[in-house]
Amino acid sequence: MYIVELSYLKPLNAIEIQLEAHRSFLDEQYASEAFLASGPKNPRDGGVILVSGRVSRTELDAILARDPFYQHGLAAYRITEFAPVKFHPTLKGVL
C-alpha cells in the first residue's frame, strides 16, 4: 500500500486549469481499483492519494506519469510505502 503526497509546484490558478483532467485521471484509477481515496491537503498546497497494495511500485510510477499534474510539471510526488498490520475488517479486500 502507498501514500502519495503531492506538493504543488505552481500557483493555484495553474492547478485549476488542469483540475478537470486530473479528476478524470483519478476516476480512471478508481475504476481500475488502483486508488482507494484522494483529496486536497489543508492548506491547499497539494493533495494525498491512498493507493491499493495490489499495485506494485513500478505500476504506480507508470500510473502517476499519466497524471496531468505530473505531465505539466504542476506537482512533485512523495511516495511512502507501508504494510498495514491492523485495519478495519471492511478494508481487508482492498488492501
N, C-alpha and C. Protein backbone atom coordinates (compact mmCIF):
# COMPACT_ATOMS: atom_id res chain seq x y z
N MET A 1 0.84 -1.15 0.00
CA MET A 1 0.00 0.00 0.00
C MET A 1 0.90 1.23 0.00
N TYR A 2 0.38 2.29 -0.62
CA TYR A 2 1.18 3.52 -0.75
C TYR A 2 0.36 4.74 -0.37
N ILE A 3 1.05 5.71 0.18
CA ILE A 3 0.51 7.05 0.35
C ILE A 3 1.30 7.94 -0.58
N VAL A 4 0.60 8.62 -1.46
CA VAL A 4 1.23 9.54 -2.40
C VAL A 4 0.87 10.95 -1.95
N GLU A 5 1.88 11.74 -1.63
CA GLU A 5 1.66 13.13 -1.25
C GLU A 5 2.12 14.03 -2.38
N LEU A 6 1.19 14.80 -2.91
CA LEU A 6 1.50 15.76 -3.95
C LEU A 6 1.75 17.11 -3.32
N SER A 7 2.77 17.80 -3.80
CA SER A 7 3.06 19.18 -3.40
C SER A 7 3.05 20.02 -4.67
N TYR A 8 2.20 21.03 -4.68
CA TYR A 8 2.10 21.86 -5.87
C TYR A 8 3.38 22.66 -6.09
N LEU A 9 3.79 22.72 -7.34
CA LEU A 9 4.98 23.46 -7.74
C LEU A 9 4.63 24.79 -8.40
N LYS A 10 3.36 24.96 -8.73
CA LYS A 10 2.89 26.17 -9.42
C LYS A 10 1.74 26.79 -8.62
N PRO A 11 1.38 28.03 -8.91
CA PRO A 11 0.26 28.68 -8.22
C PRO A 11 -1.07 27.96 -8.50
N LEU A 12 -2.03 28.18 -7.61
CA LEU A 12 -3.33 27.50 -7.72
C LEU A 12 -4.05 27.79 -9.04
N ASN A 13 -3.85 28.95 -9.63
CA ASN A 13 -4.52 29.22 -10.91
C ASN A 13 -4.02 28.26 -11.99
N ALA A 14 -2.76 27.86 -11.95
CA ALA A 14 -2.24 26.88 -12.90
C ALA A 14 -2.80 25.49 -12.59
N ILE A 15 -2.96 25.18 -11.31
CA ILE A 15 -3.54 23.90 -10.90
C ILE A 15 -4.97 23.81 -11.40
N GLU A 16 -5.73 24.87 -11.22
CA GLU A 16 -7.15 24.89 -11.62
C GLU A 16 -7.33 24.59 -13.10
N ILE A 17 -6.40 25.03 -13.93
CA ILE A 17 -6.51 24.79 -15.38
C ILE A 17 -6.52 23.29 -15.68
N GLN A 18 -5.76 22.51 -14.93
CA GLN A 18 -5.65 21.07 -15.17
C GLN A 18 -6.51 20.22 -14.21
N LEU A 19 -7.30 20.87 -13.37
CA LEU A 19 -8.03 20.14 -12.33
C LEU A 19 -9.05 19.15 -12.91
N GLU A 20 -9.79 19.54 -13.93
CA GLU A 20 -10.77 18.62 -14.53
C GLU A 20 -10.07 17.40 -15.13
N ALA A 21 -8.97 17.61 -15.82
CA ALA A 21 -8.21 16.49 -16.40
C ALA A 21 -7.64 15.61 -15.30
N HIS A 22 -7.16 16.22 -14.22
CA HIS A 22 -6.62 15.46 -13.08
C HIS A 22 -7.73 14.60 -12.47
N ARG A 23 -8.91 15.16 -12.30
CA ARG A 23 -10.02 14.41 -11.73
C ARG A 23 -10.45 13.26 -12.64
N SER A 24 -10.39 13.45 -13.93
CA SER A 24 -10.67 12.35 -14.87
C SER A 24 -9.64 11.24 -14.72
N PHE A 25 -8.39 11.63 -14.58
CA PHE A 25 -7.31 10.67 -14.32
C PHE A 25 -7.61 9.90 -13.04
N LEU A 26 -8.01 10.59 -11.97
CA LEU A 26 -8.35 9.92 -10.71
C LEU A 26 -9.50 8.94 -10.92
N ASP A 27 -10.53 9.36 -11.65
CA ASP A 27 -11.68 8.49 -11.91
C ASP A 27 -11.25 7.18 -12.58
N GLU A 28 -10.32 7.28 -13.52
CA GLU A 28 -9.81 6.08 -14.20
C GLU A 28 -9.13 5.14 -13.20
N GLN A 29 -8.39 5.71 -12.26
CA GLN A 29 -7.69 4.88 -11.28
C GLN A 29 -8.65 4.27 -10.27
N TYR A 30 -9.72 4.98 -9.94
CA TYR A 30 -10.75 4.39 -9.07
C TYR A 30 -11.44 3.24 -9.79
N ALA A 31 -11.74 3.42 -11.08
CA ALA A 31 -12.40 2.38 -11.86
C ALA A 31 -11.55 1.11 -11.94
N SER A 32 -10.23 1.29 -11.99
CA SER A 32 -9.32 0.13 -12.05
C SER A 32 -8.99 -0.41 -10.66
N GLU A 33 -9.53 0.23 -9.62
CA GLU A 33 -9.31 -0.14 -8.22
C GLU A 33 -7.87 0.04 -7.75
N ALA A 34 -7.14 0.92 -8.44
CA ALA A 34 -5.77 1.22 -8.01
C ALA A 34 -5.78 2.22 -6.85
N PHE A 35 -6.67 3.22 -6.92
CA PHE A 35 -6.74 4.25 -5.89
C PHE A 35 -7.90 3.97 -4.96
N LEU A 36 -7.69 4.23 -3.67
CA LEU A 36 -8.71 4.00 -2.65
C LEU A 36 -9.33 5.28 -2.13
N ALA A 37 -8.55 6.35 -2.07
CA ALA A 37 -9.03 7.64 -1.58
C ALA A 37 -8.08 8.73 -2.08
N SER A 38 -8.61 9.95 -2.19
CA SER A 38 -7.77 11.08 -2.59
C SER A 38 -8.45 12.37 -2.19
N GLY A 39 -7.65 13.42 -2.12
CA GLY A 39 -8.21 14.73 -1.83
C GLY A 39 -7.13 15.76 -1.58
N PRO A 40 -7.54 17.02 -1.53
CA PRO A 40 -6.57 18.10 -1.31
C PRO A 40 -6.14 18.16 0.15
N LYS A 41 -4.93 18.66 0.35
CA LYS A 41 -4.44 18.93 1.71
C LYS A 41 -5.02 20.26 2.18
N ASN A 42 -4.97 20.46 3.47
CA ASN A 42 -5.40 21.73 4.06
C ASN A 42 -4.24 22.24 4.91
N PRO A 43 -3.57 23.33 4.52
CA PRO A 43 -3.93 24.24 3.46
C PRO A 43 -3.73 23.60 2.08
N ARG A 44 -4.36 24.18 1.09
CA ARG A 44 -4.39 23.61 -0.26
C ARG A 44 -3.09 23.89 -1.00
N ASP A 45 -2.06 23.14 -0.60
CA ASP A 45 -0.76 23.25 -1.26
C ASP A 45 -0.36 21.93 -1.92
N GLY A 46 -1.35 21.05 -2.07
CA GLY A 46 -1.12 19.74 -2.67
C GLY A 46 -2.26 18.82 -2.33
N GLY A 47 -1.99 17.53 -2.44
CA GLY A 47 -3.03 16.54 -2.17
C GLY A 47 -2.44 15.24 -1.70
N VAL A 48 -3.32 14.29 -1.42
CA VAL A 48 -2.92 12.97 -0.96
C VAL A 48 -3.73 11.93 -1.71
N ILE A 49 -3.07 10.84 -2.08
CA ILE A 49 -3.73 9.70 -2.72
C ILE A 49 -3.35 8.45 -1.93
N LEU A 50 -4.35 7.66 -1.59
CA LEU A 50 -4.13 6.36 -0.94
C LEU A 50 -4.26 5.30 -2.02
N VAL A 51 -3.21 4.49 -2.19
CA VAL A 51 -3.12 3.53 -3.29
C VAL A 51 -3.19 2.11 -2.75
N SER A 52 -3.95 1.27 -3.43
CA SER A 52 -4.11 -0.13 -3.05
C SER A 52 -2.77 -0.86 -3.01
N GLY A 53 -2.66 -1.79 -2.09
CA GLY A 53 -1.46 -2.63 -2.00
C GLY A 53 -1.35 -3.63 -3.13
N ARG A 54 -2.39 -3.75 -3.94
CA ARG A 54 -2.34 -4.65 -5.10
C ARG A 54 -1.58 -4.04 -6.27
N VAL A 55 -1.19 -2.77 -6.13
CA VAL A 55 -0.44 -2.05 -7.16
C VAL A 55 1.04 -2.11 -6.80
N SER A 56 1.88 -2.52 -7.73
CA SER A 56 3.32 -2.55 -7.48
C SER A 56 3.90 -1.14 -7.62
N ARG A 57 5.09 -0.96 -7.12
CA ARG A 57 5.73 0.35 -7.23
C ARG A 57 5.97 0.72 -8.70
N THR A 58 6.35 -0.25 -9.50
CA THR A 58 6.56 0.00 -10.93
C THR A 58 5.26 0.44 -11.59
N GLU A 59 4.16 -0.24 -11.25
CA GLU A 59 2.86 0.14 -11.79
C GLU A 59 2.45 1.53 -11.32
N LEU A 60 2.70 1.82 -10.04
CA LEU A 60 2.35 3.13 -9.51
C LEU A 60 3.11 4.24 -10.23
N ASP A 61 4.39 4.04 -10.44
CA ASP A 61 5.18 5.05 -11.15
C ASP A 61 4.61 5.30 -12.55
N ALA A 62 4.20 4.23 -13.24
CA ALA A 62 3.63 4.37 -14.58
C ALA A 62 2.27 5.08 -14.52
N ILE A 63 1.48 4.77 -13.50
CA ILE A 63 0.18 5.43 -13.33
C ILE A 63 0.38 6.92 -13.10
N LEU A 64 1.25 7.28 -12.17
CA LEU A 64 1.45 8.69 -11.83
C LEU A 64 2.01 9.49 -13.01
N ALA A 65 2.75 8.83 -13.87
CA ALA A 65 3.29 9.52 -15.05
C ALA A 65 2.18 9.96 -16.00
N ARG A 66 0.98 9.39 -15.86
CA ARG A 66 -0.15 9.77 -16.69
C ARG A 66 -1.00 10.89 -16.07
N ASP A 67 -0.68 11.28 -14.86
CA ASP A 67 -1.42 12.35 -14.19
C ASP A 67 -1.11 13.69 -14.88
N PRO A 68 -2.14 14.43 -15.29
CA PRO A 68 -1.90 15.74 -15.91
C PRO A 68 -1.07 16.68 -15.03
N PHE A 69 -1.21 16.57 -13.72
CA PHE A 69 -0.38 17.41 -12.84
C PHE A 69 1.10 17.07 -13.04
N TYR A 70 1.41 15.80 -13.21
CA TYR A 70 2.79 15.37 -13.46
C TYR A 70 3.24 15.82 -14.86
N GLN A 71 2.40 15.56 -15.84
CA GLN A 71 2.75 15.85 -17.23
C GLN A 71 3.00 17.34 -17.48
N HIS A 72 2.35 18.19 -16.70
CA HIS A 72 2.50 19.64 -16.88
C HIS A 72 3.42 20.26 -15.83
N GLY A 73 4.13 19.42 -15.07
CA GLY A 73 5.09 19.93 -14.10
C GLY A 73 4.45 20.74 -12.98
N LEU A 74 3.22 20.38 -12.59
CA LEU A 74 2.49 21.14 -11.59
C LEU A 74 2.68 20.64 -10.17
N ALA A 75 3.13 19.38 -10.03
CA ALA A 75 3.24 18.81 -8.68
C ALA A 75 4.45 17.90 -8.57
N ALA A 76 5.00 17.86 -7.37
CA ALA A 76 6.03 16.89 -7.00
C ALA A 76 5.33 15.78 -6.21
N TYR A 77 5.85 14.56 -6.32
CA TYR A 77 5.21 13.39 -5.70
C TYR A 77 6.16 12.76 -4.69
N ARG A 78 5.67 12.60 -3.48
CA ARG A 78 6.41 11.87 -2.44
C ARG A 78 5.64 10.60 -2.16
N ILE A 79 6.28 9.45 -2.36
CA ILE A 79 5.61 8.16 -2.23
C ILE A 79 6.14 7.44 -1.00
N THR A 80 5.22 7.04 -0.13
CA THR A 80 5.57 6.28 1.06
C THR A 80 4.88 4.94 0.98
N GLU A 81 5.65 3.87 1.07
CA GLU A 81 5.08 2.53 1.08
C GLU A 81 4.93 2.07 2.53
N PHE A 82 3.82 1.41 2.81
CA PHE A 82 3.67 0.83 4.14
C PHE A 82 2.82 -0.43 4.05
N ALA A 83 3.01 -1.31 5.02
CA ALA A 83 2.26 -2.57 5.08
C ALA A 83 1.36 -2.53 6.30
N PRO A 84 0.06 -2.27 6.12
CA PRO A 84 -0.82 -2.21 7.26
C PRO A 84 -0.93 -3.57 7.95
N VAL A 85 -0.73 -3.58 9.26
CA VAL A 85 -0.88 -4.82 10.03
C VAL A 85 -2.18 -4.82 10.82
N LYS A 86 -2.75 -3.67 11.03
CA LYS A 86 -4.05 -3.54 11.67
C LYS A 86 -4.91 -2.65 10.79
N PHE A 87 -6.16 -3.05 10.61
CA PHE A 87 -7.08 -2.28 9.78
C PHE A 87 -8.50 -2.74 10.07
N HIS A 88 -9.45 -1.90 9.70
CA HIS A 88 -10.86 -2.23 9.86
C HIS A 88 -11.19 -3.42 8.95
N PRO A 89 -11.96 -4.38 9.43
CA PRO A 89 -12.27 -5.58 8.64
C PRO A 89 -12.86 -5.29 7.27
N THR A 90 -13.58 -4.19 7.10
CA THR A 90 -14.17 -3.90 5.79
C THR A 90 -13.11 -3.56 4.75
N LEU A 91 -11.89 -3.27 5.17
CA LEU A 91 -10.81 -2.93 4.23
C LEU A 91 -10.02 -4.13 3.75
N LYS A 92 -10.26 -5.29 4.32
CA LYS A 92 -9.45 -6.47 4.02
C LYS A 92 -9.33 -6.75 2.53
N GLY A 93 -10.39 -6.63 1.79
CA GLY A 93 -10.36 -6.95 0.37
C GLY A 93 -9.71 -5.91 -0.52
N VAL A 94 -9.44 -4.71 -0.01
CA VAL A 94 -8.88 -3.66 -0.85
C VAL A 94 -7.44 -3.32 -0.53
N LEU A 95 -6.93 -3.83 0.57
CA LEU A 95 -5.55 -3.52 0.93
C LEU A 95 -4.61 -4.40 0.16
